[in-house]
Amino acid sequence: MADKLSAEGLKAAADFTKQVITLSTGVITLTVTFLEKIIQPTAGVSRPVPVTMFSAWVFFGIAVIAGVATLGAIAGTLEALDRQQNKMPLSDVQNVAVAALGSGANVIWPARVMAICFLLGMLCTIATGFVQLKGG
């Protein structure tokens, strides 16, 4: 029963990670698509991309990369858990993954990086809006 609960928690974490990846790529796509509207060039004079917008893109990009790493760690852990439940032989790495389910460091660290970068990306995107509204 405990293994079933662990697997369900990992599946929920995978769903959350997929949503963060989708939102991050969506914000990047929308802001790049509507960049001209965001920076509002005047009379043929182009303005540089605000530092806050560029920072947001970097943070969202890192969030996507960390999200992919998180999904990979979740998939590896679920495979090891499945092999253990089916009484199949496990490699040393898989034994470590199954034993680490309590702390889940292989999943937690990339997930933390993903979440922090996503939040920083959102803050930078919001800051860009405020800066642009003030005429910055």
N, C-alpha and C. Protein backbone atom coordinates (compact mmCIF):
# COMPACT_ATOMS: atom_id res chain seq x y z
N MET A 1 0.81 -1.19 0.00
CA MET A 1 0.00 0.00 0.00
C MET A 1 0.86 1.26 0.00
N ALA A 2 1.97 1.24 0.77
CA ALA A 2 2.84 2.42 0.82
C ALA A 2 3.45 2.70 -0.54
N ASP A 3 3.81 1.64 -1.27
CA ASP A 3 4.38 1.85 -2.60
C ASP A 3 3.35 2.48 -3.53
N LYS A 4 2.10 2.10 -3.39
CA LYS A 4 1.02 2.68 -4.21
C LYS A 4 0.90 4.17 -3.91
N LEU A 5 0.97 4.54 -2.62
CA LEU A 5 0.90 5.95 -2.25
C LEU A 5 2.10 6.72 -2.80
N SER A 6 3.28 6.13 -2.73
CA SER A 6 4.48 6.78 -3.26
C SER A 6 4.34 7.02 -4.75
N ALA A 7 3.83 6.02 -5.46
CA ALA A 7 3.65 6.16 -6.90
C ALA A 7 2.64 7.24 -7.23
N GLU A 8 1.57 7.34 -6.45
CA GLU A 8 0.56 8.36 -6.70
C GLU A 8 1.13 9.76 -6.45
N GLY A 9 1.95 9.90 -5.42
CA GLY A 9 2.59 11.18 -5.16
C GLY A 9 3.53 11.58 -6.29
N LEU A 10 4.26 10.62 -6.81
CA LEU A 10 5.16 10.90 -7.93
C LEU A 10 4.37 11.28 -9.18
N LYS A 11 3.25 10.62 -9.39
CA LYS A 11 2.42 10.96 -10.56
C LYS A 11 1.84 12.36 -10.43
N ALA A 12 1.45 12.74 -9.22
CA ALA A 12 0.95 14.11 -8.99
C ALA A 12 2.07 15.12 -9.22
N ALA A 13 3.28 14.80 -8.77
CA ALA A 13 4.42 15.69 -8.99
C ALA A 13 4.72 15.82 -10.49
N ALA A 14 4.57 14.73 -11.23
CA ALA A 14 4.79 14.78 -12.67
C ALA A 14 3.75 15.67 -13.35
N ASP A 15 2.51 15.58 -12.92
CA ASP A 15 1.46 16.44 -13.49
C ASP A 15 1.74 17.91 -13.20
N PHE A 16 2.15 18.21 -11.97
CA PHE A 16 2.49 19.59 -11.62
C PHE A 16 3.66 20.09 -12.47
N THR A 17 4.66 19.25 -12.64
CA THR A 17 5.84 19.61 -13.43
C THR A 17 5.45 19.89 -14.88
N LYS A 18 4.58 19.06 -15.44
CA LYS A 18 4.12 19.28 -16.82
C LYS A 18 3.39 20.62 -16.94
N GLN A 19 2.63 20.98 -15.93
CA GLN A 19 1.92 22.26 -15.98
C GLN A 19 2.89 23.44 -15.92
N VAL A 20 3.92 23.32 -15.08
CA VAL A 20 4.91 24.40 -14.99
C VAL A 20 5.65 24.54 -16.32
N ILE A 21 6.00 23.42 -16.94
CA ILE A 21 6.68 23.47 -18.25
C ILE A 21 5.77 24.14 -19.27
N THR A 22 4.49 23.76 -19.29
CA THR A 22 3.54 24.34 -20.24
C THR A 22 3.38 25.83 -20.01
N LEU A 23 3.21 26.24 -18.77
CA LEU A 23 3.06 27.66 -18.46
C LEU A 23 4.32 28.45 -18.81
N SER A 24 5.47 27.91 -18.50
CA SER A 24 6.73 28.60 -18.79
C SER A 24 6.92 28.81 -20.28
N THR A 25 6.72 27.75 -21.06
CA THR A 25 6.88 27.89 -22.50
C THR A 25 5.81 28.80 -23.08
N GLY A 26 4.61 28.77 -22.50
CA GLY A 26 3.54 29.65 -22.97
C GLY A 26 3.84 31.11 -22.73
N VAL A 27 4.37 31.44 -21.55
CA VAL A 27 4.70 32.83 -21.26
C VAL A 27 5.83 33.30 -22.17
N ILE A 28 6.82 32.45 -22.38
CA ILE A 28 7.92 32.83 -23.29
C ILE A 28 7.35 33.10 -24.68
N THR A 29 6.51 32.20 -25.17
CA THR A 29 5.94 32.34 -26.50
C THR A 29 5.10 33.61 -26.63
N LEU A 30 4.25 33.86 -25.66
CA LEU A 30 3.39 35.05 -25.72
C LEU A 30 4.20 36.34 -25.64
N THR A 31 5.18 36.38 -24.75
CA THR A 31 5.95 37.62 -24.62
C THR A 31 6.84 37.88 -25.82
N VAL A 32 7.36 36.84 -26.43
CA VAL A 32 8.16 37.03 -27.65
C VAL A 32 7.24 37.45 -28.79
N THR A 33 6.09 36.82 -28.88
CA THR A 33 5.15 37.15 -29.96
C THR A 33 4.68 38.60 -29.88
N PHE A 34 4.38 39.05 -28.68
CA PHE A 34 3.86 40.40 -28.50
C PHE A 34 4.90 41.37 -27.95
N LEU A 35 6.17 41.10 -28.23
CA LEU A 35 7.25 41.94 -27.71
C LEU A 35 7.12 43.39 -28.14
N GLU A 36 6.71 43.61 -29.39
CA GLU A 36 6.57 44.98 -29.89
C GLU A 36 5.52 45.74 -29.09
N LYS A 37 4.48 45.06 -28.69
CA LYS A 37 3.44 45.71 -27.88
C LYS A 37 3.94 45.96 -26.45
N ILE A 38 4.80 45.07 -25.97
CA ILE A 38 5.30 45.21 -24.60
C ILE A 38 6.27 46.39 -24.49
N ILE A 39 7.22 46.48 -25.43
CA ILE A 39 8.22 47.55 -25.31
C ILE A 39 7.78 48.84 -25.99
N GLN A 40 6.71 48.81 -26.75
CA GLN A 40 6.10 49.99 -27.37
C GLN A 40 7.12 50.96 -27.99
N PRO A 41 7.71 50.58 -29.13
CA PRO A 41 8.64 51.51 -29.78
C PRO A 41 7.88 52.75 -30.26
N THR A 42 8.56 53.89 -30.27
CA THR A 42 7.90 55.13 -30.68
C THR A 42 8.57 55.71 -31.92
N ALA A 43 7.79 56.11 -32.88
CA ALA A 43 8.23 56.82 -34.08
C ALA A 43 9.48 56.21 -34.70
N GLY A 44 9.46 54.91 -34.91
CA GLY A 44 10.56 54.25 -35.60
C GLY A 44 11.80 54.02 -34.74
N VAL A 45 11.77 54.48 -33.51
CA VAL A 45 12.90 54.27 -32.61
C VAL A 45 12.64 53.02 -31.79
N SER A 46 13.48 52.02 -31.98
CA SER A 46 13.26 50.78 -31.24
C SER A 46 13.89 50.90 -29.85
N ARG A 47 13.25 50.27 -28.90
CA ARG A 47 13.77 50.26 -27.54
C ARG A 47 14.31 48.88 -27.25
N PRO A 48 15.32 48.79 -26.41
CA PRO A 48 15.85 47.46 -26.07
C PRO A 48 14.85 46.68 -25.23
N VAL A 49 15.01 45.38 -25.23
CA VAL A 49 14.18 44.52 -24.39
C VAL A 49 14.51 44.85 -22.93
N PRO A 50 13.50 45.09 -22.12
CA PRO A 50 13.78 45.39 -20.71
C PRO A 50 14.54 44.26 -20.03
N VAL A 51 15.41 44.62 -19.12
CA VAL A 51 16.19 43.63 -18.39
C VAL A 51 15.27 42.66 -17.65
N THR A 52 14.17 43.17 -17.14
CA THR A 52 13.24 42.30 -16.42
C THR A 52 12.62 41.25 -17.34
N MET A 53 12.34 41.61 -18.59
CA MET A 53 11.75 40.65 -19.53
C MET A 53 12.80 39.62 -19.94
N PHE A 54 14.01 40.08 -20.20
CA PHE A 54 15.09 39.15 -20.55
C PHE A 54 15.34 38.19 -19.39
N SER A 55 15.34 38.72 -18.17
CA SER A 55 15.54 37.87 -16.99
C SER A 55 14.42 36.83 -16.87
N ALA A 56 13.20 37.25 -17.15
CA ALA A 56 12.07 36.32 -17.09
C ALA A 56 12.27 35.18 -18.07
N TRP A 57 12.72 35.50 -19.28
CA TRP A 57 12.95 34.44 -20.28
C TRP A 57 14.01 33.46 -19.78
N VAL A 58 15.06 33.98 -19.18
CA VAL A 58 16.13 33.10 -18.66
C VAL A 58 15.56 32.21 -17.55
N PHE A 59 14.84 32.80 -16.62
CA PHE A 59 14.27 32.00 -15.52
C PHE A 59 13.29 30.96 -16.03
N PHE A 60 12.43 31.33 -16.98
CA PHE A 60 11.49 30.36 -17.53
C PHE A 60 12.23 29.25 -18.28
N GLY A 61 13.29 29.61 -18.99
CA GLY A 61 14.09 28.60 -19.69
C GLY A 61 14.72 27.61 -18.73
N ILE A 62 15.27 28.13 -17.63
CA ILE A 62 15.85 27.24 -16.62
C ILE A 62 14.76 26.39 -15.98
N ALA A 63 13.58 26.97 -15.77
CA ALA A 63 12.46 26.20 -15.20
C ALA A 63 12.08 25.04 -16.11
N VAL A 64 12.08 25.27 -17.41
CA VAL A 64 11.75 24.20 -18.36
C VAL A 64 12.82 23.10 -18.30
N ILE A 65 14.08 23.48 -18.30
CA ILE A 65 15.16 22.49 -18.24
C ILE A 65 15.09 21.69 -16.94
N ALA A 66 14.89 22.38 -15.82
CA ALA A 66 14.77 21.70 -14.53
C ALA A 66 13.51 20.82 -14.50
N GLY A 67 12.45 21.26 -15.16
CA GLY A 67 11.23 20.46 -15.24
C GLY A 67 11.44 19.16 -16.00
N VAL A 68 12.18 19.24 -17.08
CA VAL A 68 12.50 18.03 -17.85
C VAL A 68 13.35 17.09 -17.00
N ALA A 69 14.31 17.65 -16.25
CA ALA A 69 15.13 16.83 -15.36
C ALA A 69 14.26 16.19 -14.27
N THR A 70 13.30 16.93 -13.77
CA THR A 70 12.39 16.40 -12.75
C THR A 70 11.57 15.24 -13.32
N LEU A 71 11.04 15.42 -14.52
CA LEU A 71 10.27 14.34 -15.14
C LEU A 71 11.12 13.10 -15.36
N GLY A 72 12.38 13.29 -15.75
CA GLY A 72 13.29 12.16 -15.92
C GLY A 72 13.52 11.43 -14.60
N ALA A 73 13.72 12.19 -13.53
CA ALA A 73 13.92 11.57 -12.21
C ALA A 73 12.67 10.83 -11.75
N ILE A 74 11.51 11.42 -11.99
CA ILE A 74 10.25 10.77 -11.62
C ILE A 74 10.09 9.47 -12.41
N ALA A 75 10.37 9.51 -13.71
CA ALA A 75 10.23 8.31 -14.54
C ALA A 75 11.17 7.20 -14.06
N GLY A 76 12.41 7.57 -13.75
CA GLY A 76 13.36 6.57 -13.26
C GLY A 76 12.93 5.96 -11.94
N THR A 77 12.43 6.80 -11.05
CA THR A 77 11.98 6.31 -9.74
C THR A 77 10.75 5.42 -9.89
N LEU A 78 9.80 5.83 -10.75
CA LEU A 78 8.61 5.00 -10.96
C LEU A 78 8.97 3.65 -11.58
N GLU A 79 9.95 3.67 -12.50
CA GLU A 79 10.37 2.39 -13.10
C GLU A 79 10.98 1.48 -12.04
N ALA A 80 11.83 2.04 -11.19
CA ALA A 80 12.46 1.24 -10.14
C ALA A 80 11.40 0.71 -9.17
N LEU A 81 10.43 1.54 -8.83
CA LEU A 81 9.36 1.12 -7.93
C LEU A 81 8.53 0.01 -8.56
N ASP A 82 8.25 0.14 -9.84
CA ASP A 82 7.48 -0.87 -10.56
C ASP A 82 8.24 -2.20 -10.61
N ARG A 83 9.54 -2.10 -10.88
CA ARG A 83 10.35 -3.32 -10.92
C ARG A 83 10.37 -4.00 -9.55
N GLN A 84 10.45 -3.21 -8.50
CA GLN A 84 10.47 -3.77 -7.15
C GLN A 84 9.14 -4.46 -6.84
N GLN A 85 8.02 -3.84 -7.19
CA GLN A 85 6.70 -4.42 -6.92
C GLN A 85 6.49 -5.71 -7.69
N ASN A 86 7.09 -5.81 -8.88
CA ASN A 86 6.94 -7.01 -9.71
C ASN A 86 8.04 -8.01 -9.45
N LYS A 87 8.81 -7.81 -8.39
CA LYS A 87 9.88 -8.75 -7.97
C LYS A 87 10.91 -8.97 -9.07
N MET A 88 11.18 -7.93 -9.84
CA MET A 88 12.20 -8.01 -10.88
C MET A 88 13.52 -7.54 -10.29
N PRO A 89 14.63 -7.99 -10.87
CA PRO A 89 15.93 -7.55 -10.33
C PRO A 89 16.13 -6.04 -10.56
N LEU A 90 16.76 -5.41 -9.58
CA LEU A 90 17.03 -3.98 -9.65
C LEU A 90 18.54 -3.73 -9.74
N SER A 91 18.90 -2.74 -10.50
CA SER A 91 20.31 -2.34 -10.54
C SER A 91 20.62 -1.57 -9.27
N ASP A 92 21.90 -1.28 -9.04
CA ASP A 92 22.29 -0.52 -7.85
C ASP A 92 21.63 0.86 -7.86
N VAL A 93 21.59 1.50 -9.03
CA VAL A 93 20.97 2.83 -9.14
C VAL A 93 19.49 2.74 -8.82
N GLN A 94 18.82 1.70 -9.30
CA GLN A 94 17.40 1.55 -9.04
C GLN A 94 17.14 1.27 -7.56
N ASN A 95 18.02 0.49 -6.92
CA ASN A 95 17.88 0.25 -5.48
C ASN A 95 17.98 1.55 -4.70
N VAL A 96 18.92 2.41 -5.11
CA VAL A 96 19.07 3.71 -4.46
C VAL A 96 17.82 4.55 -4.68
N ALA A 97 17.26 4.52 -5.90
CA ALA A 97 16.06 5.31 -6.20
C ALA A 97 14.88 4.87 -5.35
N VAL A 98 14.70 3.57 -5.22
CA VAL A 98 13.60 3.05 -4.41
C VAL A 98 13.82 3.38 -2.94
N ALA A 99 15.06 3.23 -2.47
CA ALA A 99 15.36 3.52 -1.06
C ALA A 99 15.21 5.01 -0.76
N ALA A 100 15.44 5.85 -1.76
CA ALA A 100 15.39 7.30 -1.57
C ALA A 100 13.98 7.86 -1.67
N LEU A 101 12.98 7.01 -1.88
CA LEU A 101 11.62 7.54 -2.01
C LEU A 101 11.20 8.34 -0.79
N GLY A 102 11.74 7.99 0.37
CA GLY A 102 11.40 8.74 1.57
C GLY A 102 11.83 10.19 1.48
N SER A 103 13.05 10.42 0.99
CA SER A 103 13.53 11.81 0.86
C SER A 103 13.37 12.29 -0.57
N GLY A 104 13.51 11.40 -1.54
CA GLY A 104 13.30 11.75 -2.94
C GLY A 104 14.21 12.84 -3.46
N ALA A 105 15.47 12.87 -2.99
CA ALA A 105 16.39 13.95 -3.39
C ALA A 105 16.58 14.00 -4.90
N ASN A 106 16.50 12.86 -5.58
CA ASN A 106 16.68 12.87 -7.03
C ASN A 106 15.55 13.61 -7.74
N VAL A 107 14.40 13.72 -7.10
CA VAL A 107 13.26 14.45 -7.66
C VAL A 107 13.15 15.84 -7.04
N ILE A 108 13.42 15.93 -5.74
CA ILE A 108 13.20 17.19 -5.02
C ILE A 108 14.09 18.32 -5.53
N TRP A 109 15.37 18.07 -5.75
CA TRP A 109 16.27 19.17 -6.12
C TRP A 109 15.94 19.79 -7.46
N PRO A 110 15.77 19.01 -8.54
CA PRO A 110 15.38 19.68 -9.79
C PRO A 110 13.99 20.32 -9.71
N ALA A 111 13.10 19.72 -8.91
CA ALA A 111 11.76 20.30 -8.74
C ALA A 111 11.83 21.64 -8.01
N ARG A 112 12.71 21.74 -7.03
CA ARG A 112 12.88 23.02 -6.31
C ARG A 112 13.44 24.10 -7.24
N VAL A 113 14.45 23.72 -8.03
CA VAL A 113 15.02 24.68 -8.99
C VAL A 113 13.94 25.14 -9.96
N MET A 114 13.14 24.19 -10.44
CA MET A 114 12.06 24.51 -11.37
C MET A 114 11.07 25.50 -10.74
N ALA A 115 10.62 25.20 -9.54
CA ALA A 115 9.62 26.04 -8.88
C ALA A 115 10.16 27.44 -8.59
N ILE A 116 11.39 27.52 -8.10
CA ILE A 116 11.98 28.82 -7.79
C ILE A 116 12.16 29.64 -9.06
N CYS A 117 12.68 29.03 -10.12
CA CYS A 117 12.88 29.75 -11.37
C CYS A 117 11.54 30.17 -11.99
N PHE A 118 10.54 29.32 -11.87
CA PHE A 118 9.22 29.69 -12.39
C PHE A 118 8.68 30.91 -11.65
N LEU A 119 8.78 30.90 -10.33
CA LEU A 119 8.30 32.04 -9.54
C LEU A 119 9.09 33.31 -9.86
N LEU A 120 10.41 33.19 -10.00
CA LEU A 120 11.22 34.35 -10.35
C LEU A 120 10.86 34.86 -11.75
N GLY A 121 10.60 33.94 -12.67
CA GLY A 121 10.18 34.33 -14.01
C GLY A 121 8.86 35.08 -13.99
N MET A 122 7.91 34.60 -13.18
CA MET A 122 6.64 35.29 -13.06
C MET A 122 6.82 36.68 -12.45
N LEU A 123 7.64 36.78 -11.41
CA LEU A 123 7.90 38.08 -10.79
C LEU A 123 8.53 39.06 -11.78
N CYS A 124 9.48 38.57 -12.57
CA CYS A 124 10.12 39.43 -13.58
C CYS A 124 9.12 39.85 -14.67
N THR A 125 8.24 38.95 -15.05
CA THR A 125 7.23 39.28 -16.05
C THR A 125 6.28 40.35 -15.52
N ILE A 126 5.86 40.18 -14.29
CA ILE A 126 4.98 41.19 -13.66
C ILE A 126 5.72 42.52 -13.52
N ALA A 127 6.98 42.46 -13.12
CA ALA A 127 7.77 43.69 -12.98
C ALA A 127 7.89 44.40 -14.33
N THR A 128 8.04 43.64 -15.41
CA THR A 128 8.11 44.23 -16.74
C THR A 128 6.82 45.01 -17.04
N GLY A 129 5.69 44.42 -16.67
CA GLY A 129 4.42 45.11 -16.88
C GLY A 129 4.35 46.42 -16.13
N PHE A 130 4.77 46.41 -14.86
CA PHE A 130 4.76 47.64 -14.08
C PHE A 130 5.71 48.68 -14.66
N VAL A 131 6.90 48.25 -15.06
CA VAL A 131 7.88 49.18 -15.62
C VAL A 131 7.33 49.81 -16.89
N GLN A 132 6.73 48.99 -17.75
CA GLN A 132 6.20 49.49 -19.01
C GLN A 132 4.99 50.41 -18.80
N LEU A 133 4.18 50.13 -17.80
CA LEU A 133 3.03 50.99 -17.51
C LEU A 133 3.48 52.35 -17.00
N LYS A 134 4.61 52.38 -16.29
CA LYS A 134 5.13 53.64 -15.77
C LYS A 134 5.85 54.43 -16.86
N GLY A 135 6.00 53.79 -18.04
CA GLY A 135 6.66 54.47 -19.17
C GLY A 135 8.15 54.27 -19.20
N GLY A 136 8.65 53.24 -18.45
CA GLY A 136 10.07 52.98 -18.32
C GLY A 136 10.68 52.44 -19.53
